[in-house]
Protein backbone atom coordinates (compact mmCIF):
# COMPACT_ATOMS: atom_id res chain seq x y z
CA MET A 1 17.80 -4.82 40.46
CA ASP A 2 17.63 -1.74 41.27
CA ASP A 3 14.06 0.55 40.53
CA LYS A 4 16.02 2.08 37.51
CA GLU A 5 16.22 -1.32 35.82
CA SER A 6 13.17 -2.73 36.67
CA THR A 7 11.18 -0.19 34.85
CA VAL A 8 12.96 -0.12 31.98
CA GLU A 9 11.01 -0.58 29.04
CA PRO A 10 11.46 -3.13 26.08
CA ARG A 11 12.73 -1.85 23.12
CA ARG A 12 10.04 -1.43 20.41
CA GLY A 13 9.92 -4.36 17.75
CA GLU A 14 10.51 -7.16 20.48
CA HIS A 15 7.71 -8.83 20.28
CA LEU A 16 7.60 -8.79 16.70
CA LEU A 17 9.80 -11.69 16.81
CA GLU A 18 7.42 -13.67 19.05
CA VAL A 19 4.56 -13.03 15.93
CA VAL A 20 7.84 -15.08 13.55
CA ARG A 21 8.20 -17.90 15.85
CA ILE A 22 4.68 -18.51 15.48
CA ILE A 23 4.23 -18.22 11.86
CA ASP A 24 7.47 -20.38 12.02
CA VAL A 25 5.05 -23.20 14.54
CA LEU A 26 2.32 -22.83 12.24
CA LEU A 27 3.87 -23.58 8.96
CA SER A 28 6.17 -26.24 10.45
CA PRO A 29 5.23 -29.56 10.18
CA GLY A 30 2.38 -30.95 12.32
CA GLY A 31 2.03 -27.36 11.71
CA ASP A 32 -1.78 -25.29 10.98
CA ALA A 33 -2.88 -27.48 7.51
CA TRP A 34 -4.35 -24.88 6.03
CA LYS A 35 -1.80 -22.33 6.16
CA ARG A 36 0.31 -24.74 5.09
CA ALA A 37 -1.07 -25.01 1.86
CA GLN A 38 -1.29 -21.39 1.30
CA THR A 39 0.72 -19.67 -1.55
CA HIS A 40 1.85 -16.56 -2.07
CA GLN A 41 -0.93 -16.36 -4.73
CA SER A 42 -3.98 -18.04 -2.55
CA LEU A 43 -3.01 -15.43 -0.23
CA ALA A 44 -3.03 -11.98 -2.40
CA ARG A 45 -6.52 -11.81 -2.32
CA PHE A 46 -6.29 -11.86 1.74
CA LEU A 47 -3.55 -8.62 1.55
CA LEU A 48 -6.09 -6.66 -0.05
CA GLU A 49 -9.11 -7.75 2.10
CA GLU A 50 -6.88 -6.82 5.00
CA ALA A 51 -5.43 -3.52 3.67
CA TYR A 52 -9.24 -2.34 2.91
CA GLU A 53 -10.44 -3.56 6.53
CA ALA A 54 -7.45 -1.60 7.87
CA TYR A 55 -8.08 1.47 5.94
CA ASP A 56 -11.89 0.97 6.60
CA ALA A 57 -10.60 1.22 10.93
CA ILE A 58 -8.39 4.36 10.30
CA GLU A 59 -11.73 5.92 8.82
CA SER A 60 -14.23 5.17 11.23
CA GLY A 61 -11.64 6.65 13.99
CA ASN A 62 -11.37 3.48 15.96
CA LEU A 63 -7.52 3.31 16.51
CA ALA A 64 -7.89 0.49 18.80
CA ALA A 65 -9.77 -1.45 15.74
CA VAL A 66 -6.88 -0.36 13.73
CA ARG A 67 -4.44 -1.63 16.37
CA ASP A 68 -6.75 -4.88 15.49
CA GLU A 69 -6.60 -4.78 11.77
CA LEU A 70 -3.02 -3.51 11.29
CA GLY A 71 -2.08 -7.01 13.22
CA ASP A 72 -4.09 -8.53 10.39
CA VAL A 73 -2.29 -6.61 7.50
CA LEU A 74 1.40 -7.62 9.52
CA LEU A 75 -0.23 -11.35 10.07
CA GLN A 76 -0.16 -11.24 5.97
CA VAL A 77 3.42 -9.35 5.24
CA VAL A 78 4.68 -12.21 7.87
CA LEU A 79 3.27 -15.40 5.82
CA HIS A 80 4.52 -13.88 2.94
CA ALA A 81 8.21 -13.43 3.67
CA ARG A 82 8.00 -17.30 5.39
CA LEU A 83 6.91 -18.70 2.19
CA ALA A 84 9.38 -17.55 0.57
CA GLU A 85 12.06 -19.43 2.89
CA GLN A 86 11.57 -22.33 0.06
CA ALA A 87 11.52 -19.72 -2.76
CA GLU A 88 14.83 -19.61 -5.12
CA PRO A 89 16.61 -18.04 -4.20
CA PRO A 90 15.39 -17.62 -0.41
CA TRP A 91 14.34 -14.65 1.25
CA ASN A 92 13.15 -14.13 4.40
CA ILE A 93 11.56 -11.18 6.64
CA ASP A 94 14.69 -10.16 7.49
CA ASP A 95 15.56 -9.45 4.18
CA VAL A 96 12.26 -7.48 3.92
CA ALA A 97 13.16 -5.27 7.12
CA ASP A 98 16.39 -5.23 5.72
CA THR A 99 15.24 -3.93 2.23
CA LEU A 100 12.86 -1.20 3.51
CA ALA A 101 15.45 -0.07 6.16
CA ALA A 102 17.92 0.74 3.28
CA LYS A 103 14.75 2.76 1.44
CA LEU A 104 14.04 4.77 4.21
CA ILE A 105 17.74 5.79 4.73
CA ARG A 106 18.58 6.01 0.59
CA ARG A 107 14.73 8.14 0.23
CA ASN A 108 15.57 10.64 3.70
CA PRO A 109 18.92 11.99 2.78
CA HIS A 110 17.84 15.08 4.74
CA VAL A 111 17.69 13.31 7.99
CA PHE A 112 20.75 10.39 7.29
CA ALA A 113 22.85 12.20 5.06
CA ASP A 114 23.48 15.80 3.78
CA GLY A 115 20.23 16.29 1.79
CA THR A 116 18.70 20.15 2.17
CA ALA A 117 15.03 19.38 1.88
CA THR A 118 13.53 21.06 4.81
CA THR A 119 9.81 21.95 3.58
CA ILE A 120 7.10 19.11 3.03
CA GLU A 121 7.02 19.92 -1.01
CA GLU A 122 11.06 19.81 -0.62
CA ILE A 123 11.14 16.13 1.32
CA THR A 124 8.00 14.58 -1.22
CA ALA A 125 10.16 16.00 -4.34
CA ALA A 126 12.66 14.58 -3.21
CA TRP A 127 11.96 11.39 -2.24
CA GLU A 128 9.88 11.51 -6.32
CA ARG A 129 13.25 12.09 -7.44
CA ILE A 130 15.16 9.18 -5.40
CA LYS A 131 12.43 6.80 -6.30
CA ARG A 132 12.85 7.80 -10.53
CA GLU A 133 16.40 7.39 -10.00
CA GLU A 134 15.82 3.79 -8.47
CA LYS A 135 13.03 2.86 -10.59
CA PRO A 136 13.23 4.08 -14.27
CA ARG A 137 10.34 4.17 -15.53
CA SER A 138 9.36 3.78 -19.66
CA SER A 139 5.78 4.86 -18.84
CA VAL A 140 3.62 6.63 -16.63
CA LEU A 141 2.29 3.02 -16.51
CA ASP A 142 5.00 1.25 -14.68
CA GLY A 143 5.29 0.60 -11.81
CA VAL A 144 1.09 1.73 -11.00
CA PRO A 145 -0.74 -1.77 -10.17
CA MET A 146 -3.71 -2.64 -12.66
CA GLN A 147 -5.48 -4.10 -9.66
CA MET A 148 -6.37 -0.91 -8.27
CA PRO A 149 -9.91 0.56 -7.57
CA ALA A 150 -10.48 2.57 -11.00
CA LEU A 151 -11.20 5.58 -8.93
CA ALA A 152 -7.59 4.95 -6.98
CA LEU A 153 -6.50 4.31 -10.41
CA ALA A 154 -7.40 7.26 -11.79
CA ALA A 155 -6.32 9.24 -9.14
CA LYS A 156 -2.55 8.13 -9.32
CA LEU A 157 -2.30 8.19 -12.98
CA VAL A 158 -3.57 11.85 -12.72
CA ARG A 159 -1.06 12.65 -10.17
CA ARG A 160 1.65 10.63 -11.69
CA ALA A 161 0.57 12.04 -15.62
CA LYS A 162 -0.15 15.64 -14.55
CA LEU A 163 -3.37 15.03 -16.65
CA THR A 164 -5.96 17.53 -16.50
CA ALA A 165 -9.77 17.13 -17.30
CA ASP A 166 -10.53 17.71 -20.71
CA ILE A 167 -14.04 19.11 -19.67
CA GLN A 168 -15.47 22.05 -17.70
CA THR A 169 -15.86 20.72 -13.86
CA PRO A 170 -16.57 23.45 -11.10
CA GLU A 171 -15.15 23.82 -7.95
CA PHE A 172 -15.97 21.68 -5.25
CA ALA A 173 -16.42 23.31 -1.77
CA ASP A 174 -15.12 20.24 -0.26
CA GLU A 175 -15.19 16.81 -0.52
CA ASP A 176 -18.97 16.21 0.79
CA GLU A 177 -20.08 17.80 -2.25
CA LEU A 178 -17.60 16.00 -4.45
CA GLY A 179 -18.91 12.63 -2.83
CA GLN A 180 -22.51 13.30 -3.64
CA LEU A 181 -21.67 14.05 -7.35
CA LEU A 182 -19.89 10.78 -7.48
CA LEU A 183 -22.44 9.49 -6.49
CA ALA A 184 -25.23 11.01 -8.49
CA ILE A 185 -22.80 9.87 -11.48
CA VAL A 186 -22.58 6.60 -10.58
CA ALA A 187 -26.30 6.25 -10.01
CA ARG A 188 -27.16 7.54 -13.50
CA ALA A 189 -24.85 5.31 -15.81
CA THR A 190 -26.30 2.50 -12.95
CA ASP A 191 -29.84 3.51 -14.72
CA GLN A 192 -28.64 3.62 -18.61
CA GLY A 193 -26.82 -0.18 -17.62
CA LEU A 194 -23.24 1.10 -18.22
CA ASP A 195 -20.59 0.34 -15.36
CA ALA A 196 -18.75 3.19 -14.48
CA GLU A 197 -16.49 1.19 -12.72
CA GLY A 198 -15.31 -0.15 -16.63
CA ALA A 199 -15.72 3.51 -17.89
CA LEU A 200 -13.63 5.06 -15.27
CA ARG A 201 -11.06 2.46 -15.50
CA ARG A 202 -11.04 3.22 -19.47
CA ALA A 203 -10.73 6.90 -19.67
CA ALA A 204 -7.79 6.82 -16.62
CA LEU A 205 -5.67 4.98 -19.22
CA ASN A 206 -6.59 6.01 -22.50
CA LYS A 207 -5.63 9.40 -20.77
CA ALA A 208 -2.06 7.93 -19.42
CA GLY A 209 -1.21 6.52 -23.11
CA PRO A 210 -3.94 5.03 -25.61
CA ASP A 211 -1.32 2.06 -25.90
CA HIS A 212 -2.25 0.84 -23.02
CA ALA A 213 -6.01 0.88 -22.76
CA PRO A 214 -7.75 -2.24 -22.54
């Protein structure tokens, strides 16, 4: 083997196969009893927790922590895919990857086909248009995860339904000023014994459509 061949880097993604192999061992007879006892439902909260931990790592700016936390998110993805091999009809991690690859190619025609989008705004608009064609909605709430925290849910509904405020609000100088105001509102609500989370969730759903309000 010459020097050129000896320094060739392995293709990115090859180590993912080792993760799949390890999960196969853990979920096989004689493997890890805890993991073998799990279901999609029992694992759901861990997927959410790991996503939040990855978010925290990103916010901290610690890239080593980001790498570690993304590994934990990946673990949940591989676990769910492995469990689905016993579903009806069954599917596996390759099906997950194939579905994602096809979606990325479909939704980026400016790269993989004859799309003409060039600016970020045009690319985003094309992505949303293709997404709507793939998944037609009967309401603005279709496809919106109702378990999202109220603030994230409200932001998503505002973007999707192009909602506007019913009251006059000042322009914010920056996110720090916005954060201080939100904190003050939550503090005042708590002092009055009010549920800020529930109140915002109900207001967002009411605004999106009264028929969907809890």
